[in-house]
Amino acid sequence: MKKILVIDDNPDIRENTSEILELAGFKTFMAVNGKKGVDAALREKPDVIVCDIMMPDLDGYGVLHMLRKNEATQHIPFIFLTAKTERSDFRKGMEMGADDYITKPFEDIELLNAIEARLKKAAVLDTMYASSVQGVSQFIRDVKDTGLISQLAEQYEVLTLSTKQHLYQEGKRPRFLYYLMKGKIKGFKVHEDGKEYITDLFSEGDF
């Protein structure tokens, strides 16, 4: 049974969130503030942490900072649960290492979907993939199954290419793994007679 730690100074939200998770089959632990939340995380080693931002003594950002510095807790999926909706707040949390951000009020299914996505991601990161084309292909399929692909644009630079622009040329050192958000990209070879032969055609949703 997966363990979830809920950190929130509001007793109604804390208990309601815990009840939702327990009904979904999770084992939950609760902490009434940030300091107790850090202690609980170190003691229980939960599979996911759901934490409020605005709390006295130690806020959610402080909790995340302390847990990411500790080797025993630095890889635990961390979800902010907060009423703060400014994009700057979202960016600050993600840049510090948060995995997701749910605003209050929230639907039960929204919380559960976020939890499940983080657990799937953690499972992918724990998997040892073969260092081969087959291993990379399996990794890509598993990442797509986590449902996290839609967040790539929030975390990485988006590059816009014009028609006929080359992204990569055989013989050059590969620098990035690209995810195609929109449009099409073709792979081709040029025969000695000057004709192009298409070898691949990548569409939206492909790496």
N, C-alpha and C. Protein backbone atom coordinates (compact mmCIF):
# COMPACT_ATOMS: atom_id res chain seq x y z
N MET A 1 0.85 -1.21 0.00
CA MET A 1 0.00 0.00 0.00
C MET A 1 0.88 1.26 0.00
N LYS A 2 0.63 2.15 -0.95
CA LYS A 2 1.42 3.37 -1.05
C LYS A 2 1.06 4.34 0.08
N LYS A 3 2.10 5.06 0.57
CA LYS A 3 1.92 5.98 1.69
C LYS A 3 1.97 7.43 1.21
N ILE A 4 1.01 8.23 1.67
CA ILE A 4 0.93 9.65 1.30
C ILE A 4 1.01 10.50 2.57
N LEU A 5 1.87 11.51 2.56
CA LEU A 5 1.95 12.46 3.66
C LEU A 5 1.24 13.74 3.26
N VAL A 6 0.29 14.19 4.09
CA VAL A 6 -0.46 15.42 3.85
C VAL A 6 -0.04 16.46 4.89
N ILE A 7 0.51 17.59 4.42
CA ILE A 7 0.95 18.66 5.31
C ILE A 7 0.10 19.90 5.06
N ASP A 8 -0.69 20.29 6.06
CA ASP A 8 -1.56 21.46 5.91
C ASP A 8 -1.97 21.94 7.29
N ASP A 9 -1.91 23.26 7.52
CA ASP A 9 -2.28 23.78 8.85
C ASP A 9 -3.78 23.96 9.00
N ASN A 10 -4.55 23.83 7.91
CA ASN A 10 -6.02 23.91 7.98
C ASN A 10 -6.57 22.51 8.27
N PRO A 11 -7.17 22.30 9.46
CA PRO A 11 -7.60 20.95 9.82
C PRO A 11 -8.67 20.37 8.90
N ASP A 12 -9.57 21.21 8.40
CA ASP A 12 -10.63 20.71 7.51
C ASP A 12 -10.04 20.21 6.19
N ILE A 13 -9.17 21.00 5.59
CA ILE A 13 -8.55 20.60 4.32
C ILE A 13 -7.65 19.39 4.53
N ARG A 14 -6.90 19.41 5.62
CA ARG A 14 -5.98 18.30 5.91
C ARG A 14 -6.73 16.98 6.05
N GLU A 15 -7.79 16.99 6.84
CA GLU A 15 -8.54 15.76 7.09
C GLU A 15 -9.35 15.33 5.86
N ASN A 16 -9.89 16.31 5.12
CA ASN A 16 -10.66 15.99 3.92
C ASN A 16 -9.75 15.37 2.85
N THR A 17 -8.57 15.95 2.69
CA THR A 17 -7.61 15.41 1.71
C THR A 17 -7.20 13.99 2.10
N SER A 18 -6.94 13.80 3.38
CA SER A 18 -6.54 12.48 3.86
C SER A 18 -7.65 11.45 3.65
N GLU A 19 -8.90 11.87 3.88
CA GLU A 19 -10.03 10.96 3.71
C GLU A 19 -10.19 10.54 2.24
N ILE A 20 -10.03 11.51 1.33
CA ILE A 20 -10.11 11.20 -0.10
C ILE A 20 -9.08 10.14 -0.48
N LEU A 21 -7.86 10.33 0.01
CA LEU A 21 -6.77 9.42 -0.34
C LEU A 21 -6.97 8.04 0.28
N GLU A 22 -7.48 8.00 1.50
CA GLU A 22 -7.72 6.71 2.15
C GLU A 22 -8.83 5.93 1.45
N LEU A 23 -9.85 6.63 1.00
CA LEU A 23 -10.93 5.97 0.26
C LEU A 23 -10.42 5.41 -1.07
N ALA A 24 -9.35 6.01 -1.60
CA ALA A 24 -8.77 5.54 -2.86
C ALA A 24 -7.76 4.42 -2.64
N GLY A 25 -7.57 4.03 -1.38
CA GLY A 25 -6.71 2.89 -1.10
C GLY A 25 -5.30 3.22 -0.66
N PHE A 26 -5.05 4.48 -0.34
CA PHE A 26 -3.72 4.87 0.14
C PHE A 26 -3.68 4.90 1.66
N LYS A 27 -2.48 4.72 2.21
CA LYS A 27 -2.28 4.91 3.65
C LYS A 27 -1.77 6.33 3.84
N THR A 28 -2.40 7.09 4.73
CA THR A 28 -2.04 8.50 4.86
C THR A 28 -1.48 8.83 6.24
N PHE A 29 -0.63 9.84 6.23
CA PHE A 29 -0.11 10.44 7.46
C PHE A 29 -0.36 11.93 7.35
N MET A 30 -0.60 12.59 8.49
CA MET A 30 -0.90 14.02 8.48
C MET A 30 0.07 14.79 9.37
N ALA A 31 0.37 16.03 8.95
CA ALA A 31 1.19 16.92 9.75
C ALA A 31 0.52 18.29 9.77
N VAL A 32 0.52 18.93 10.94
CA VAL A 32 -0.24 20.17 11.12
C VAL A 32 0.55 21.42 10.73
N ASN A 33 1.84 21.28 10.47
CA ASN A 33 2.64 22.42 10.01
C ASN A 33 3.88 21.92 9.29
N GLY A 34 4.66 22.86 8.76
CA GLY A 34 5.81 22.50 7.97
C GLY A 34 6.89 21.75 8.73
N LYS A 35 7.18 22.21 9.95
CA LYS A 35 8.23 21.56 10.74
C LYS A 35 7.86 20.11 11.06
N LYS A 36 6.63 19.89 11.48
CA LYS A 36 6.19 18.53 11.77
C LYS A 36 6.13 17.70 10.48
N GLY A 37 5.85 18.37 9.37
CA GLY A 37 5.81 17.67 8.09
C GLY A 37 7.18 17.14 7.70
N VAL A 38 8.22 17.95 7.90
CA VAL A 38 9.58 17.50 7.61
C VAL A 38 9.94 16.30 8.47
N ASP A 39 9.60 16.39 9.76
CA ASP A 39 9.88 15.28 10.68
C ASP A 39 9.16 14.01 10.24
N ALA A 40 7.88 14.16 9.84
CA ALA A 40 7.09 13.01 9.42
C ALA A 40 7.65 12.40 8.14
N ALA A 41 8.11 13.24 7.22
CA ALA A 41 8.68 12.75 5.96
C ALA A 41 9.95 11.94 6.21
N LEU A 42 10.79 12.43 7.11
CA LEU A 42 12.03 11.73 7.43
C LEU A 42 11.74 10.41 8.16
N ARG A 43 10.70 10.40 8.96
CA ARG A 43 10.36 9.21 9.75
C ARG A 43 9.63 8.16 8.92
N GLU A 44 8.65 8.57 8.12
CA GLU A 44 7.78 7.63 7.42
C GLU A 44 8.23 7.29 6.01
N LYS A 45 9.06 8.13 5.39
CA LYS A 45 9.50 7.92 3.99
C LYS A 45 8.30 7.65 3.08
N PRO A 46 7.36 8.60 2.97
CA PRO A 46 6.15 8.38 2.15
C PRO A 46 6.49 8.26 0.67
N ASP A 47 5.55 7.74 -0.10
CA ASP A 47 5.74 7.61 -1.55
C ASP A 47 5.44 8.91 -2.26
N VAL A 48 4.55 9.75 -1.68
CA VAL A 48 4.21 11.06 -2.24
C VAL A 48 3.93 12.01 -1.06
N ILE A 49 4.27 13.28 -1.25
CA ILE A 49 3.97 14.30 -0.24
C ILE A 49 3.06 15.35 -0.87
N VAL A 50 1.95 15.65 -0.19
CA VAL A 50 1.03 16.71 -0.60
C VAL A 50 1.13 17.81 0.45
N CYS A 51 1.54 19.01 0.03
CA CYS A 51 1.87 20.04 1.02
C CYS A 51 1.30 21.40 0.66
N ASP A 52 0.73 22.07 1.66
CA ASP A 52 0.24 23.44 1.49
C ASP A 52 1.45 24.38 1.41
N ILE A 53 1.25 25.57 0.85
CA ILE A 53 2.34 26.55 0.79
C ILE A 53 2.29 27.52 1.96
N MET A 54 1.12 28.16 2.16
CA MET A 54 1.01 29.20 3.18
C MET A 54 0.77 28.58 4.55
N MET A 55 1.85 28.43 5.31
CA MET A 55 1.78 27.89 6.68
C MET A 55 2.69 28.69 7.59
N PRO A 56 2.35 28.82 8.88
CA PRO A 56 3.22 29.54 9.81
C PRO A 56 4.50 28.75 10.11
N ASP A 57 5.49 29.44 10.65
CA ASP A 57 6.77 28.86 11.05
C ASP A 57 7.61 28.43 9.86
N LEU A 58 7.14 27.41 9.12
CA LEU A 58 7.87 26.92 7.95
C LEU A 58 6.87 26.70 6.83
N ASP A 59 6.97 27.51 5.75
CA ASP A 59 5.99 27.37 4.67
C ASP A 59 6.35 26.20 3.75
N GLY A 60 5.51 25.98 2.74
CA GLY A 60 5.71 24.84 1.85
C GLY A 60 7.02 24.90 1.09
N TYR A 61 7.44 26.11 0.70
CA TYR A 61 8.71 26.26 0.01
C TYR A 61 9.86 25.80 0.91
N GLY A 62 9.77 26.16 2.19
CA GLY A 62 10.79 25.75 3.15
C GLY A 62 10.82 24.25 3.33
N VAL A 63 9.63 23.65 3.39
CA VAL A 63 9.54 22.19 3.51
C VAL A 63 10.22 21.51 2.32
N LEU A 64 9.87 21.99 1.12
CA LEU A 64 10.45 21.40 -0.09
C LEU A 64 11.96 21.56 -0.10
N HIS A 65 12.44 22.75 0.27
CA HIS A 65 13.88 23.01 0.30
C HIS A 65 14.61 22.04 1.22
N MET A 66 14.07 21.82 2.42
CA MET A 66 14.71 20.95 3.40
C MET A 66 14.68 19.49 2.95
N LEU A 67 13.58 19.07 2.36
CA LEU A 67 13.47 17.68 1.92
C LEU A 67 14.34 17.38 0.71
N ARG A 68 14.49 18.37 -0.18
CA ARG A 68 15.32 18.16 -1.35
C ARG A 68 16.81 18.16 -0.98
N LYS A 69 17.17 18.73 0.16
CA LYS A 69 18.56 18.73 0.60
C LYS A 69 18.94 17.41 1.28
N ASN A 70 17.92 16.66 1.74
CA ASN A 70 18.18 15.42 2.47
C ASN A 70 18.19 14.23 1.51
N GLU A 71 19.25 13.46 1.54
CA GLU A 71 19.39 12.34 0.61
C GLU A 71 18.26 11.33 0.75
N ALA A 72 17.72 11.17 1.96
CA ALA A 72 16.68 10.17 2.21
C ALA A 72 15.33 10.58 1.63
N THR A 73 15.13 11.88 1.39
CA THR A 73 13.82 12.36 0.94
C THR A 73 13.86 13.15 -0.37
N GLN A 74 15.04 13.33 -0.95
CA GLN A 74 15.17 14.25 -2.09
C GLN A 74 14.43 13.79 -3.35
N HIS A 75 14.14 12.49 -3.46
CA HIS A 75 13.47 12.00 -4.66
C HIS A 75 11.99 11.69 -4.45
N ILE A 76 11.45 11.99 -3.27
CA ILE A 76 10.03 11.73 -3.03
C ILE A 76 9.18 12.72 -3.83
N PRO A 77 8.23 12.25 -4.65
CA PRO A 77 7.37 13.17 -5.41
C PRO A 77 6.67 14.15 -4.47
N PHE A 78 6.67 15.43 -4.86
CA PHE A 78 6.17 16.51 -3.99
C PHE A 78 5.12 17.32 -4.75
N ILE A 79 3.92 17.40 -4.19
CA ILE A 79 2.82 18.13 -4.83
C ILE A 79 2.38 19.28 -3.93
N PHE A 80 2.41 20.51 -4.47
CA PHE A 80 1.91 21.65 -3.72
C PHE A 80 0.38 21.70 -3.82
N LEU A 81 -0.26 21.95 -2.69
CA LEU A 81 -1.71 22.12 -2.61
C LEU A 81 -1.94 23.50 -2.02
N THR A 82 -2.45 24.44 -2.83
CA THR A 82 -2.48 25.83 -2.36
C THR A 82 -3.55 26.66 -3.04
N ALA A 83 -3.87 27.78 -2.40
CA ALA A 83 -4.82 28.73 -2.97
C ALA A 83 -4.11 29.76 -3.84
N LYS A 84 -2.77 29.78 -3.82
CA LYS A 84 -1.99 30.73 -4.61
C LYS A 84 -2.05 30.30 -6.07
N THR A 85 -2.47 31.22 -6.93
CA THR A 85 -2.67 30.87 -8.35
C THR A 85 -1.81 31.69 -9.30
N GLU A 86 -0.95 32.56 -8.77
CA GLU A 86 -0.09 33.37 -9.64
C GLU A 86 0.93 32.48 -10.35
N ARG A 87 1.18 32.75 -11.61
CA ARG A 87 2.13 31.94 -12.38
C ARG A 87 3.53 32.00 -11.77
N SER A 88 3.88 33.13 -11.16
CA SER A 88 5.21 33.24 -10.54
C SER A 88 5.35 32.27 -9.39
N ASP A 89 4.26 32.04 -8.65
CA ASP A 89 4.29 31.08 -7.55
C ASP A 89 4.47 29.67 -8.10
N PHE A 90 3.77 29.38 -9.20
CA PHE A 90 3.90 28.08 -9.84
C PHE A 90 5.33 27.85 -10.30
N ARG A 91 5.91 28.84 -10.96
CA ARG A 91 7.27 28.71 -11.46
C ARG A 91 8.27 28.53 -10.33
N LYS A 92 8.08 29.28 -9.25
CA LYS A 92 9.00 29.17 -8.11
C LYS A 92 9.00 27.76 -7.56
N GLY A 93 7.81 27.19 -7.39
CA GLY A 93 7.70 25.84 -6.85
C GLY A 93 8.34 24.81 -7.77
N MET A 94 8.08 24.91 -9.08
CA MET A 94 8.63 23.95 -10.03
C MET A 94 10.15 24.07 -10.13
N GLU A 95 10.66 25.30 -10.08
CA GLU A 95 12.11 25.51 -10.16
C GLU A 95 12.81 24.96 -8.91
N MET A 96 12.12 24.92 -7.79
CA MET A 96 12.69 24.38 -6.56
C MET A 96 12.66 22.85 -6.55
N GLY A 97 11.90 22.27 -7.48
CA GLY A 97 11.87 20.81 -7.54
C GLY A 97 10.53 20.18 -7.25
N ALA A 98 9.46 21.00 -7.15
CA ALA A 98 8.13 20.41 -6.95
C ALA A 98 7.72 19.64 -8.20
N ASP A 99 6.90 18.61 -8.03
CA ASP A 99 6.48 17.78 -9.15
C ASP A 99 5.13 18.20 -9.72
N ASP A 100 4.30 18.84 -8.90
CA ASP A 100 2.99 19.26 -9.39
C ASP A 100 2.45 20.35 -8.49
N TYR A 101 1.32 20.93 -8.90
CA TYR A 101 0.79 22.13 -8.26
C TYR A 101 -0.73 22.10 -8.41
N ILE A 102 -1.46 21.89 -7.33
CA ILE A 102 -2.92 21.83 -7.37
C ILE A 102 -3.49 23.01 -6.58
N THR A 103 -4.40 23.76 -7.21
CA THR A 103 -4.97 24.92 -6.53
C THR A 103 -6.29 24.57 -5.85
N LYS A 104 -6.53 25.21 -4.70
CA LYS A 104 -7.77 25.04 -3.96
C LYS A 104 -8.80 26.04 -4.50
N PRO A 105 -10.08 25.66 -4.53
CA PRO A 105 -10.62 24.32 -4.25
C PRO A 105 -10.32 23.38 -5.41
N PHE A 106 -10.27 22.10 -5.14
CA PHE A 106 -9.92 21.12 -6.17
C PHE A 106 -10.94 19.98 -6.14
N GLU A 107 -11.05 19.31 -7.28
CA GLU A 107 -11.91 18.14 -7.38
C GLU A 107 -11.15 16.91 -6.90
N ASP A 108 -11.88 15.95 -6.32
CA ASP A 108 -11.25 14.73 -5.83
C ASP A 108 -10.43 14.04 -6.91
N ILE A 109 -11.01 13.96 -8.11
CA ILE A 109 -10.35 13.24 -9.20
C ILE A 109 -9.07 13.95 -9.63
N GLU A 110 -9.03 15.29 -9.50
CA GLU A 110 -7.83 16.04 -9.85
C GLU A 110 -6.67 15.66 -8.94
N LEU A 111 -6.96 15.55 -7.65
CA LEU A 111 -5.93 15.15 -6.69
C LEU A 111 -5.46 13.72 -6.95
N LEU A 112 -6.40 12.82 -7.14
CA LEU A 112 -6.06 11.41 -7.36
C LEU A 112 -5.27 11.21 -8.66
N ASN A 113 -5.65 11.95 -9.70
CA ASN A 113 -4.91 11.84 -10.96
C ASN A 113 -3.48 12.32 -10.80
N ALA A 114 -3.29 13.39 -10.03
CA ALA A 114 -1.94 13.91 -9.78
C ALA A 114 -1.11 12.91 -9.00
N ILE A 115 -1.71 12.28 -8.01
CA ILE A 115 -1.01 11.27 -7.21
C ILE A 115 -0.59 10.10 -8.09
N GLU A 116 -1.54 9.60 -8.88
CA GLU A 116 -1.25 8.44 -9.74
C GLU A 116 -0.15 8.77 -10.76
N ALA A 117 -0.18 9.97 -11.32
CA ALA A 117 0.83 10.37 -12.29
C ALA A 117 2.22 10.39 -11.66
N ARG A 118 2.31 10.89 -10.42
CA ARG A 118 3.61 10.95 -9.75
C ARG A 118 4.12 9.55 -9.40
N LEU A 119 3.22 8.66 -9.03
CA LEU A 119 3.63 7.29 -8.72
C LEU A 119 4.12 6.57 -9.97
N LYS A 120 3.44 6.83 -11.11
CA LYS A 120 3.88 6.23 -12.37
C LYS A 120 5.25 6.76 -12.77
N LYS A 121 5.44 8.07 -12.59
CA LYS A 121 6.73 8.67 -12.92
C LYS A 121 7.83 8.07 -12.07
N ALA A 122 7.57 7.93 -10.76
CA ALA A 122 8.56 7.36 -9.86
C ALA A 122 8.92 5.94 -10.28
N ALA A 123 7.92 5.18 -10.72
CA ALA A 123 8.17 3.81 -11.17
C ALA A 123 9.05 3.79 -12.41
N VAL A 124 8.82 4.75 -13.33
CA VAL A 124 9.65 4.84 -14.53
C VAL A 124 11.09 5.15 -14.16
N LEU A 125 11.29 6.10 -13.24
CA LEU A 125 12.64 6.50 -12.85
C LEU A 125 13.38 5.39 -12.12
N ASP A 126 12.64 4.49 -11.49
CA ASP A 126 13.26 3.38 -10.77
C ASP A 126 13.59 2.21 -11.68
N THR A 127 13.08 2.25 -12.92
CA THR A 127 13.28 1.14 -13.85
C THR A 127 14.65 1.24 -14.52
N MET A 128 15.33 0.11 -14.62
CA MET A 128 16.62 0.06 -15.32
C MET A 128 16.35 -0.31 -16.78
N TYR A 129 16.55 0.64 -17.68
CA TYR A 129 16.29 0.41 -19.10
C TYR A 129 17.57 -0.01 -19.82
N ALA A 130 17.42 -0.86 -20.80
CA ALA A 130 18.56 -1.31 -21.59
C ALA A 130 19.14 -0.14 -22.38
N SER A 131 20.45 -0.08 -22.49
CA SER A 131 21.10 1.00 -23.25
C SER A 131 21.13 0.63 -24.72
N SER A 132 19.94 0.59 -25.31
CA SER A 132 19.79 0.22 -26.71
C SER A 132 18.60 0.98 -27.28
N VAL A 133 18.39 0.86 -28.58
CA VAL A 133 17.23 1.51 -29.21
C VAL A 133 15.94 0.99 -28.57
N GLN A 134 15.89 -0.31 -28.30
CA GLN A 134 14.70 -0.90 -27.69
C GLN A 134 14.47 -0.34 -26.28
N GLY A 135 15.57 -0.14 -25.54
CA GLY A 135 15.44 0.42 -24.19
C GLY A 135 14.93 1.84 -24.21
N VAL A 136 15.45 2.65 -25.14
CA VAL A 136 14.99 4.04 -25.28
C VAL A 136 13.52 4.08 -25.68
N SER A 137 13.13 3.20 -26.61
CA SER A 137 11.74 3.15 -27.08
C SER A 137 10.80 2.79 -25.93
N GLN A 138 11.22 1.83 -25.11
CA GLN A 138 10.39 1.44 -23.97
C GLN A 138 10.28 2.57 -22.96
N PHE A 139 11.39 3.27 -22.73
CA PHE A 139 11.38 4.42 -21.82
C PHE A 139 10.41 5.49 -22.30
N ILE A 140 10.44 5.80 -23.59
CA ILE A 140 9.55 6.81 -24.16
C ILE A 140 8.09 6.39 -24.02
N ARG A 141 7.80 5.13 -24.28
CA ARG A 141 6.42 4.64 -24.12
C ARG A 141 5.96 4.76 -22.68
N ASP A 142 6.84 4.42 -21.75
CA ASP A 142 6.47 4.49 -20.33
C ASP A 142 6.25 5.93 -19.88
N VAL A 143 7.09 6.85 -20.38
CA VAL A 143 6.92 8.26 -20.02
C VAL A 143 5.60 8.79 -20.55
N LYS A 144 5.25 8.41 -21.78
CA LYS A 144 3.96 8.84 -22.33
C LYS A 144 2.80 8.33 -21.48
N ASP A 145 2.93 7.10 -20.98
CA ASP A 145 1.86 6.51 -20.18
C ASP A 145 1.66 7.22 -18.85
N THR A 146 2.68 7.94 -18.37
CA THR A 146 2.52 8.65 -17.10
C THR A 146 1.62 9.87 -17.24
N GLY A 147 1.40 10.35 -18.48
CA GLY A 147 0.57 11.53 -18.69
C GLY A 147 1.29 12.83 -18.41
N LEU A 148 2.63 12.79 -18.30
CA LEU A 148 3.39 13.99 -17.95
C LEU A 148 3.91 14.76 -19.16
N ILE A 149 3.72 14.20 -20.35
CA ILE A 149 4.25 14.84 -21.55
C ILE A 149 3.71 16.25 -21.73
N SER A 150 2.45 16.47 -21.36
CA SER A 150 1.82 17.78 -21.57
C SER A 150 2.52 18.89 -20.79
N GLN A 151 3.32 18.54 -19.78
CA GLN A 151 3.99 19.55 -18.96
C GLN A 151 5.36 19.94 -19.49
N LEU A 152 5.81 19.30 -20.56
CA LEU A 152 7.15 19.58 -21.06
C LEU A 152 7.33 21.05 -21.45
N ALA A 153 6.30 21.63 -22.05
CA ALA A 153 6.40 23.02 -22.50
C ALA A 153 6.58 23.98 -21.32
N GLU A 154 6.13 23.57 -20.13
CA GLU A 154 6.27 24.42 -18.95
C GLU A 154 7.69 24.38 -18.39
N GLN A 155 8.41 23.29 -18.66
CA GLN A 155 9.69 23.09 -18.00
C GLN A 155 10.89 23.22 -18.92
N TYR A 156 10.68 23.18 -20.23
CA TYR A 156 11.79 23.22 -21.17
C TYR A 156 11.58 24.29 -22.24
N GLU A 157 12.67 24.65 -22.87
CA GLU A 157 12.61 25.64 -23.94
C GLU A 157 11.84 25.08 -25.15
N VAL A 158 10.98 25.89 -25.71
CA VAL A 158 10.24 25.50 -26.91
C VAL A 158 10.93 26.12 -28.12
N LEU A 159 11.33 25.28 -29.06
CA LEU A 159 12.05 25.73 -30.26
C LEU A 159 11.11 25.70 -31.45
N THR A 160 11.03 26.81 -32.19
CA THR A 160 10.19 26.88 -33.38
C THR A 160 11.08 26.82 -34.63
N LEU A 161 10.79 25.86 -35.50
CA LEU A 161 11.57 25.70 -36.72
C LEU A 161 10.76 26.14 -37.92
N SER A 162 11.44 26.70 -38.91
CA SER A 162 10.78 27.07 -40.15
C SER A 162 10.83 25.88 -41.11
N THR A 163 10.01 25.94 -42.14
CA THR A 163 10.01 24.90 -43.17
C THR A 163 11.38 24.80 -43.82
N LYS A 164 11.83 23.57 -44.04
CA LYS A 164 13.12 23.28 -44.70
C LYS A 164 14.32 23.46 -43.77
N GLN A 165 14.08 23.90 -42.52
CA GLN A 165 15.20 24.08 -41.59
C GLN A 165 15.65 22.72 -41.07
N HIS A 166 16.96 22.50 -41.00
CA HIS A 166 17.50 21.23 -40.53
C HIS A 166 17.62 21.24 -39.00
N LEU A 167 17.15 20.17 -38.39
CA LEU A 167 17.26 20.02 -36.94
C LEU A 167 18.52 19.25 -36.57
N TYR A 168 18.86 18.25 -37.37
CA TYR A 168 20.02 17.41 -37.08
C TYR A 168 20.56 16.83 -38.38
N GLN A 169 21.86 16.70 -38.47
CA GLN A 169 22.50 16.14 -39.66
C GLN A 169 23.38 14.96 -39.25
N GLU A 170 23.24 13.87 -39.97
CA GLU A 170 24.01 12.67 -39.66
C GLU A 170 25.50 12.98 -39.61
N GLY A 171 26.17 12.44 -38.59
CA GLY A 171 27.59 12.69 -38.42
C GLY A 171 27.88 13.75 -37.37
N LYS A 172 26.87 14.58 -37.06
CA LYS A 172 27.02 15.58 -36.01
C LYS A 172 26.76 14.94 -34.65
N ARG A 173 27.26 15.55 -33.60
CA ARG A 173 27.05 15.02 -32.26
C ARG A 173 25.64 15.40 -31.78
N PRO A 174 24.82 14.43 -31.39
CA PRO A 174 23.47 14.75 -30.89
C PRO A 174 23.57 15.58 -29.61
N ARG A 175 22.73 16.59 -29.50
CA ARG A 175 22.78 17.48 -28.34
C ARG A 175 21.52 17.41 -27.48
N PHE A 176 20.37 17.06 -28.09
CA PHE A 176 19.12 17.09 -27.34
C PHE A 176 18.23 15.91 -27.75
N LEU A 177 17.27 15.62 -26.88
CA LEU A 177 16.15 14.75 -27.24
C LEU A 177 14.96 15.70 -27.43
N TYR A 178 14.36 15.70 -28.62
CA TYR A 178 13.28 16.63 -28.94
C TYR A 178 11.92 15.94 -28.84
N TYR A 179 10.93 16.71 -28.37
CA TYR A 179 9.55 16.26 -28.36
C TYR A 179 8.76 17.16 -29.30
N LEU A 180 8.08 16.58 -30.27
CA LEU A 180 7.39 17.36 -31.29
C LEU A 180 5.98 17.73 -30.81
N MET A 181 5.78 19.02 -30.54
CA MET A 181 4.50 19.51 -30.03
C MET A 181 3.50 19.76 -31.16
N LYS A 182 4.00 20.22 -32.31
CA LYS A 182 3.11 20.57 -33.40
C LYS A 182 3.86 20.50 -34.73
N GLY A 183 3.18 20.04 -35.75
CA GLY A 183 3.78 19.99 -37.08
C GLY A 183 4.33 18.61 -37.41
N LYS A 184 5.21 18.57 -38.41
CA LYS A 184 5.82 17.31 -38.84
C LYS A 184 7.30 17.54 -39.16
N ILE A 185 8.09 16.51 -38.93
CA ILE A 185 9.51 16.55 -39.28
C ILE A 185 9.85 15.26 -40.00
N LYS A 186 10.55 15.37 -41.11
CA LYS A 186 10.92 14.17 -41.85
C LYS A 186 12.41 13.90 -41.70
N GLY A 187 12.72 12.61 -41.69
CA GLY A 187 14.11 12.20 -41.73
C GLY A 187 14.38 11.69 -43.14
N PHE A 188 15.52 12.04 -43.70
CA PHE A 188 15.78 11.61 -45.07
C PHE A 188 17.27 11.44 -45.32
N LYS A 189 17.58 10.70 -46.35
CA LYS A 189 18.95 10.56 -46.83
C LYS A 189 18.98 11.02 -48.28
N VAL A 190 20.11 11.53 -48.69
CA VAL A 190 20.28 11.99 -50.08
C VAL A 190 21.13 10.96 -50.82
N HIS A 191 20.56 10.40 -51.87
CA HIS A 191 21.27 9.40 -52.67
C HIS A 191 22.35 10.10 -53.50
N GLU A 192 23.29 9.32 -53.98
CA GLU A 192 24.39 9.89 -54.77
C GLU A 192 23.91 10.55 -56.05
N ASP A 193 22.68 10.19 -56.49
CA ASP A 193 22.14 10.84 -57.68
C ASP A 193 21.42 12.15 -57.35
N GLY A 194 21.44 12.54 -56.02
CA GLY A 194 20.85 13.80 -55.61
C GLY A 194 19.41 13.72 -55.15
N LYS A 195 18.80 12.54 -55.24
CA LYS A 195 17.41 12.39 -54.83
C LYS A 195 17.30 12.16 -53.32
N GLU A 196 16.22 12.71 -52.74
CA GLU A 196 15.96 12.51 -51.31
C GLU A 196 15.13 11.25 -51.11
N TYR A 197 15.51 10.45 -50.12
CA TYR A 197 14.74 9.26 -49.75
C TYR A 197 14.32 9.41 -48.29
N ILE A 198 13.01 9.50 -48.07
CA ILE A 198 12.49 9.69 -46.71
C ILE A 198 12.67 8.41 -45.91
N THR A 199 13.29 8.54 -44.73
CA THR A 199 13.54 7.39 -43.85
C THR A 199 12.63 7.38 -42.63
N ASP A 200 12.15 8.56 -42.20
CA ASP A 200 11.26 8.67 -41.04
C ASP A 200 10.33 9.85 -41.24
N LEU A 201 9.16 9.78 -40.61
CA LEU A 201 8.24 10.91 -40.60
C LEU A 201 7.68 11.03 -39.19
N PHE A 202 8.06 12.11 -38.51
CA PHE A 202 7.67 12.33 -37.13
C PHE A 202 6.48 13.30 -37.07
N SER A 203 5.50 12.97 -36.22
CA SER A 203 4.31 13.80 -36.08
C SER A 203 4.15 14.25 -34.63
N GLU A 204 3.15 15.07 -34.41
CA GLU A 204 2.85 15.58 -33.07
C GLU A 204 2.77 14.44 -32.06
N GLY A 205 3.49 14.57 -30.96
CA GLY A 205 3.49 13.55 -29.92
C GLY A 205 4.66 12.60 -29.98
N ASP A 206 5.50 12.76 -31.00
CA ASP A 206 6.66 11.87 -31.16
C ASP A 206 7.91 12.52 -30.57
N PHE A 207 8.83 11.66 -30.09
CA PHE A 207 10.17 12.12 -29.73
C PHE A 207 11.09 11.97 -30.93
